[in-house]
Amino acid sequence: MKAANLAVLFVVELVALGAVGAYGFTRDVSAPVAWLLGLAGLAVMITTWALFGSPKARYKTRGAGRVAFELVWFGAGAAALALAGAYVWAIVFALVCAVSKALAVRWNQ
């Protein structure tokens, strides 16, 4: 079960990235602006994860700071899904994140 949860954690990270990028790329704006929004969203997500969220992050977050970071980071993925009109997927994503993260804390992952 622990290995499966690690896989789920990785998948939700990718889904959050994909959701934010897709939201930016699919806005009803000119193509250059859509590309800028999509790439900027991905850049922000990747940079913040690299600096604060990854296991090899330069600035490790712990305790309440980690909880706040993950709420914002994964919340951005859920919000992007909701803003794109995929309300059910946004709720499912948020629930999977919450359960997987709770298990990760319980199992010290």
N, C-alpha and C. Protein backbone atom coordinates (compact mmCIF):
# COMPACT_ATOMS: atom_id res chain seq x y z
N MET A 1 0.81 -1.20 0.00
CA MET A 1 0.00 0.00 0.00
C MET A 1 0.86 1.27 0.00
N LYS A 2 1.96 1.23 0.72
CA LYS A 2 2.81 2.42 0.80
C LYS A 2 3.41 2.76 -0.56
N ALA A 3 3.83 1.75 -1.30
CA ALA A 3 4.39 2.00 -2.63
C ALA A 3 3.32 2.56 -3.56
N ALA A 4 2.11 2.04 -3.45
CA ALA A 4 1.01 2.54 -4.28
C ALA A 4 0.72 4.00 -3.95
N ASN A 5 0.79 4.35 -2.67
CA ASN A 5 0.53 5.74 -2.30
C ASN A 5 1.61 6.67 -2.84
N LEU A 6 2.86 6.20 -2.86
CA LEU A 6 3.92 7.02 -3.46
C LEU A 6 3.65 7.26 -4.94
N ALA A 7 3.14 6.25 -5.62
CA ALA A 7 2.78 6.41 -7.03
C ALA A 7 1.64 7.41 -7.19
N VAL A 8 0.66 7.33 -6.32
CA VAL A 8 -0.46 8.28 -6.37
C VAL A 8 0.04 9.69 -6.11
N LEU A 9 0.94 9.86 -5.16
CA LEU A 9 1.49 11.18 -4.88
C LEU A 9 2.18 11.76 -6.11
N PHE A 10 2.93 10.92 -6.81
CA PHE A 10 3.60 11.38 -8.03
C PHE A 10 2.59 11.75 -9.10
N VAL A 11 1.56 10.95 -9.26
CA VAL A 11 0.54 11.22 -10.28
C VAL A 11 -0.20 12.52 -9.98
N VAL A 12 -0.54 12.78 -8.72
CA VAL A 12 -1.25 14.02 -8.42
C VAL A 12 -0.37 15.24 -8.64
N GLU A 13 0.94 15.09 -8.46
CA GLU A 13 1.85 16.20 -8.79
C GLU A 13 1.79 16.49 -10.29
N LEU A 14 1.82 15.44 -11.09
CA LEU A 14 1.75 15.62 -12.54
C LEU A 14 0.39 16.18 -12.97
N VAL A 15 -0.67 15.72 -12.34
CA VAL A 15 -2.01 16.23 -12.69
C VAL A 15 -2.12 17.72 -12.35
N ALA A 16 -1.58 18.12 -11.22
CA ALA A 16 -1.61 19.54 -10.85
C ALA A 16 -0.87 20.37 -11.89
N LEU A 17 0.30 19.91 -12.29
CA LEU A 17 1.05 20.61 -13.34
C LEU A 17 0.26 20.67 -14.64
N GLY A 18 -0.25 19.54 -15.04
CA GLY A 18 -1.02 19.47 -16.29
C GLY A 18 -2.26 20.34 -16.27
N ALA A 19 -2.94 20.37 -15.15
CA ALA A 19 -4.16 21.17 -15.06
C ALA A 19 -3.86 22.66 -15.17
N VAL A 20 -2.83 23.11 -14.49
CA VAL A 20 -2.47 24.54 -14.56
C VAL A 20 -2.01 24.90 -15.97
N GLY A 21 -1.18 24.06 -16.56
CA GLY A 21 -0.72 24.32 -17.93
C GLY A 21 -1.88 24.31 -18.92
N ALA A 22 -2.73 23.30 -18.83
CA ALA A 22 -3.87 23.20 -19.75
C ALA A 22 -4.80 24.39 -19.61
N TYR A 23 -5.01 24.83 -18.37
CA TYR A 23 -5.88 25.99 -18.17
C TYR A 23 -5.31 27.21 -18.90
N GLY A 24 -4.03 27.44 -18.78
CA GLY A 24 -3.41 28.58 -19.45
C GLY A 24 -3.45 28.46 -20.96
N PHE A 25 -3.13 27.28 -21.47
CA PHE A 25 -3.08 27.07 -22.92
C PHE A 25 -4.45 27.14 -23.59
N THR A 26 -5.52 26.88 -22.84
CA THR A 26 -6.86 26.81 -23.45
C THR A 26 -7.72 28.04 -23.20
N ARG A 27 -7.13 29.12 -22.72
CA ARG A 27 -7.91 30.34 -22.51
C ARG A 27 -8.36 30.88 -23.86
N ASP A 28 -9.49 31.59 -23.85
CA ASP A 28 -10.04 32.15 -25.08
C ASP A 28 -9.41 33.52 -25.35
N VAL A 29 -8.13 33.47 -25.67
CA VAL A 29 -7.35 34.67 -25.98
C VAL A 29 -6.54 34.36 -27.23
N SER A 30 -5.80 35.32 -27.68
CA SER A 30 -4.96 35.06 -28.87
C SER A 30 -3.94 33.96 -28.56
N ALA A 31 -3.50 33.28 -29.59
CA ALA A 31 -2.58 32.15 -29.41
C ALA A 31 -1.31 32.53 -28.65
N PRO A 32 -0.67 33.65 -28.98
CA PRO A 32 0.55 33.99 -28.22
C PRO A 32 0.29 34.21 -26.73
N VAL A 33 -0.84 34.82 -26.42
CA VAL A 33 -1.17 35.06 -25.01
C VAL A 33 -1.49 33.73 -24.32
N ALA A 34 -2.19 32.84 -25.00
CA ALA A 34 -2.49 31.53 -24.43
C ALA A 34 -1.21 30.75 -24.15
N TRP A 35 -0.27 30.80 -25.09
CA TRP A 35 1.02 30.14 -24.87
C TRP A 35 1.75 30.76 -23.69
N LEU A 36 1.71 32.08 -23.60
CA LEU A 36 2.37 32.77 -22.49
C LEU A 36 1.74 32.36 -21.16
N LEU A 37 0.41 32.31 -21.11
CA LEU A 37 -0.28 31.91 -19.88
C LEU A 37 0.06 30.47 -19.50
N GLY A 38 0.02 29.58 -20.47
CA GLY A 38 0.32 28.18 -20.20
C GLY A 38 1.74 27.97 -19.73
N LEU A 39 2.68 28.57 -20.43
CA LEU A 39 4.08 28.41 -20.06
C LEU A 39 4.40 29.10 -18.73
N ALA A 40 3.81 30.26 -18.50
CA ALA A 40 4.04 30.97 -17.24
C ALA A 40 3.48 30.18 -16.06
N GLY A 41 2.29 29.62 -16.24
CA GLY A 41 1.71 28.80 -15.18
C GLY A 41 2.58 27.60 -14.86
N LEU A 42 3.06 26.93 -15.90
CA LEU A 42 3.95 25.79 -15.69
C LEU A 42 5.25 26.22 -15.04
N ALA A 43 5.80 27.33 -15.47
CA ALA A 43 7.07 27.82 -14.90
C ALA A 43 6.93 28.12 -13.42
N VAL A 44 5.84 28.76 -13.04
CA VAL A 44 5.62 29.08 -11.63
C VAL A 44 5.46 27.80 -10.81
N MET A 45 4.67 26.87 -11.32
CA MET A 45 4.45 25.61 -10.59
C MET A 45 5.75 24.82 -10.44
N ILE A 46 6.50 24.69 -11.53
CA ILE A 46 7.74 23.91 -11.49
C ILE A 46 8.77 24.57 -10.58
N THR A 47 8.88 25.89 -10.67
CA THR A 47 9.86 26.60 -9.85
C THR A 47 9.53 26.50 -8.37
N THR A 48 8.27 26.71 -8.02
CA THR A 48 7.91 26.63 -6.60
C THR A 48 8.09 25.21 -6.07
N TRP A 49 7.77 24.21 -6.89
CA TRP A 49 7.96 22.82 -6.44
C TRP A 49 9.45 22.53 -6.24
N ALA A 50 10.26 22.98 -7.17
CA ALA A 50 11.70 22.73 -7.07
C ALA A 50 12.30 23.43 -5.85
N LEU A 51 11.84 24.62 -5.55
CA LEU A 51 12.40 25.38 -4.44
C LEU A 51 11.87 24.95 -3.07
N PHE A 52 10.59 24.56 -3.01
CA PHE A 52 9.97 24.33 -1.71
C PHE A 52 9.35 22.95 -1.51
N GLY A 53 8.98 22.26 -2.59
CA GLY A 53 8.19 21.04 -2.43
C GLY A 53 8.89 19.73 -2.65
N SER A 54 9.90 19.71 -3.49
CA SER A 54 10.52 18.42 -3.84
C SER A 54 11.37 17.89 -2.68
N PRO A 55 11.64 16.59 -2.71
CA PRO A 55 12.48 16.02 -1.65
C PRO A 55 13.89 16.64 -1.62
N LYS A 56 14.36 17.15 -2.76
CA LYS A 56 15.69 17.78 -2.81
C LYS A 56 15.58 19.31 -2.89
N ALA A 57 14.50 19.87 -2.35
CA ALA A 57 14.26 21.31 -2.43
C ALA A 57 15.36 22.09 -1.72
N ARG A 58 15.66 23.24 -2.29
CA ARG A 58 16.67 24.11 -1.68
C ARG A 58 16.18 24.65 -0.34
N TYR A 59 14.91 25.02 -0.27
CA TYR A 59 14.32 25.56 0.96
C TYR A 59 13.25 24.59 1.44
N LYS A 60 13.63 23.67 2.29
CA LYS A 60 12.70 22.66 2.79
C LYS A 60 11.60 23.32 3.61
N THR A 61 10.38 22.87 3.37
CA THR A 61 9.26 23.34 4.18
C THR A 61 8.87 22.21 5.12
N ARG A 62 8.53 22.58 6.33
CA ARG A 62 8.16 21.59 7.34
C ARG A 62 6.95 22.10 8.12
N GLY A 63 6.25 21.18 8.72
CA GLY A 63 5.15 21.52 9.60
C GLY A 63 4.05 22.31 8.90
N ALA A 64 3.62 23.39 9.57
CA ALA A 64 2.53 24.20 9.04
C ALA A 64 2.89 24.86 7.71
N GLY A 65 4.15 25.21 7.54
CA GLY A 65 4.59 25.79 6.28
C GLY A 65 4.42 24.82 5.13
N ARG A 66 4.72 23.55 5.38
CA ARG A 66 4.57 22.52 4.35
C ARG A 66 3.09 22.32 4.01
N VAL A 67 2.27 22.30 5.03
CA VAL A 67 0.82 22.15 4.80
C VAL A 67 0.30 23.31 3.98
N ALA A 68 0.70 24.52 4.33
CA ALA A 68 0.25 25.70 3.58
C ALA A 68 0.74 25.64 2.14
N PHE A 69 2.01 25.29 1.95
CA PHE A 69 2.55 25.19 0.59
C PHE A 69 1.76 24.19 -0.24
N GLU A 70 1.53 23.01 0.30
CA GLU A 70 0.83 21.98 -0.45
C GLU A 70 -0.63 22.34 -0.70
N LEU A 71 -1.26 23.01 0.25
CA LEU A 71 -2.63 23.46 0.01
C LEU A 71 -2.69 24.42 -1.17
N VAL A 72 -1.76 25.33 -1.22
CA VAL A 72 -1.73 26.30 -2.33
C VAL A 72 -1.34 25.61 -3.63
N TRP A 73 -0.31 24.77 -3.59
CA TRP A 73 0.21 24.16 -4.82
C TRP A 73 -0.80 23.19 -5.43
N PHE A 74 -1.30 22.26 -4.63
CA PHE A 74 -2.29 21.31 -5.15
C PHE A 74 -3.64 21.99 -5.34
N GLY A 75 -3.91 23.00 -4.52
CA GLY A 75 -5.14 23.78 -4.70
C GLY A 75 -5.16 24.50 -6.03
N ALA A 76 -3.98 24.91 -6.51
CA ALA A 76 -3.90 25.55 -7.83
C ALA A 76 -4.32 24.57 -8.92
N GLY A 77 -3.95 23.31 -8.78
CA GLY A 77 -4.38 22.30 -9.74
C GLY A 77 -5.87 22.09 -9.71
N ALA A 78 -6.43 22.00 -8.51
CA ALA A 78 -7.89 21.83 -8.39
C ALA A 78 -8.62 23.06 -8.90
N ALA A 79 -8.09 24.23 -8.58
CA ALA A 79 -8.72 25.47 -9.05
C ALA A 79 -8.67 25.57 -10.57
N ALA A 80 -7.56 25.18 -11.17
CA ALA A 80 -7.44 25.21 -12.63
C ALA A 80 -8.47 24.29 -13.27
N LEU A 81 -8.66 23.11 -12.69
CA LEU A 81 -9.68 22.20 -13.22
C LEU A 81 -11.07 22.82 -13.09
N ALA A 82 -11.36 23.40 -11.94
CA ALA A 82 -12.67 24.02 -11.73
C ALA A 82 -12.88 25.20 -12.67
N LEU A 83 -11.87 26.03 -12.83
CA LEU A 83 -12.00 27.19 -13.71
C LEU A 83 -12.16 26.79 -15.17
N ALA A 84 -11.64 25.60 -15.52
CA ALA A 84 -11.80 25.09 -16.87
C ALA A 84 -13.16 24.44 -17.07
N GLY A 85 -13.96 24.39 -16.02
CA GLY A 85 -15.31 23.82 -16.11
C GLY A 85 -15.39 22.36 -15.74
N ALA A 86 -14.29 21.75 -15.35
CA ALA A 86 -14.27 20.34 -14.97
C ALA A 86 -14.48 20.22 -13.46
N TYR A 87 -15.68 20.58 -13.01
CA TYR A 87 -15.97 20.65 -11.58
C TYR A 87 -15.86 19.30 -10.89
N VAL A 88 -16.38 18.27 -11.53
CA VAL A 88 -16.33 16.93 -10.92
C VAL A 88 -14.88 16.47 -10.80
N TRP A 89 -14.08 16.69 -11.85
CA TRP A 89 -12.67 16.31 -11.80
C TRP A 89 -11.92 17.10 -10.75
N ALA A 90 -12.28 18.36 -10.58
CA ALA A 90 -11.64 19.18 -9.55
C ALA A 90 -11.91 18.62 -8.16
N ILE A 91 -13.14 18.20 -7.93
CA ILE A 91 -13.50 17.63 -6.62
C ILE A 91 -12.80 16.29 -6.43
N VAL A 92 -12.81 15.45 -7.46
CA VAL A 92 -12.13 14.15 -7.37
C VAL A 92 -10.64 14.35 -7.10
N PHE A 93 -10.03 15.27 -7.83
CA PHE A 93 -8.61 15.55 -7.64
C PHE A 93 -8.33 16.01 -6.21
N ALA A 94 -9.13 16.92 -5.71
CA ALA A 94 -8.93 17.43 -4.35
C ALA A 94 -9.08 16.31 -3.31
N LEU A 95 -10.05 15.44 -3.50
CA LEU A 95 -10.25 14.33 -2.57
C LEU A 95 -9.09 13.33 -2.63
N VAL A 96 -8.63 13.01 -3.82
CA VAL A 96 -7.49 12.09 -3.96
C VAL A 96 -6.26 12.70 -3.31
N CYS A 97 -6.04 13.99 -3.52
CA CYS A 97 -4.90 14.66 -2.88
C CYS A 97 -5.00 14.59 -1.36
N ALA A 98 -6.18 14.88 -0.83
CA ALA A 98 -6.37 14.89 0.62
C ALA A 98 -6.13 13.51 1.23
N VAL A 99 -6.69 12.48 0.61
CA VAL A 99 -6.53 11.12 1.14
C VAL A 99 -5.08 10.67 1.02
N SER A 100 -4.49 10.90 -0.13
CA SER A 100 -3.11 10.46 -0.34
C SER A 100 -2.14 11.19 0.59
N LYS A 101 -2.34 12.48 0.77
CA LYS A 101 -1.47 13.24 1.66
C LYS A 101 -1.67 12.81 3.12
N ALA A 102 -2.90 12.53 3.50
CA ALA A 102 -3.15 12.04 4.86
C ALA A 102 -2.45 10.72 5.10
N LEU A 103 -2.52 9.81 4.13
CA LEU A 103 -1.82 8.53 4.24
C LEU A 103 -0.31 8.74 4.29
N ALA A 104 0.19 9.66 3.50
CA ALA A 104 1.63 9.94 3.48
C ALA A 104 2.10 10.43 4.84
N VAL A 105 1.32 11.26 5.49
CA VAL A 105 1.67 11.74 6.82
C VAL A 105 1.62 10.58 7.81
N ARG A 106 0.58 9.79 7.72
CA ARG A 106 0.42 8.64 8.63
C ARG A 106 1.56 7.66 8.49
N TRP A 107 2.03 7.44 7.25
CA TRP A 107 3.07 6.45 6.97
C TRP A 107 4.47 7.08 6.90
N ASN A 108 4.60 8.34 7.26
CA ASN A 108 5.89 9.04 7.22
C ASN A 108 6.57 8.96 5.85
N GLN A 109 5.81 9.27 4.83
CA GLN A 109 6.36 9.21 3.48
C GLN A 109 6.85 10.58 3.05
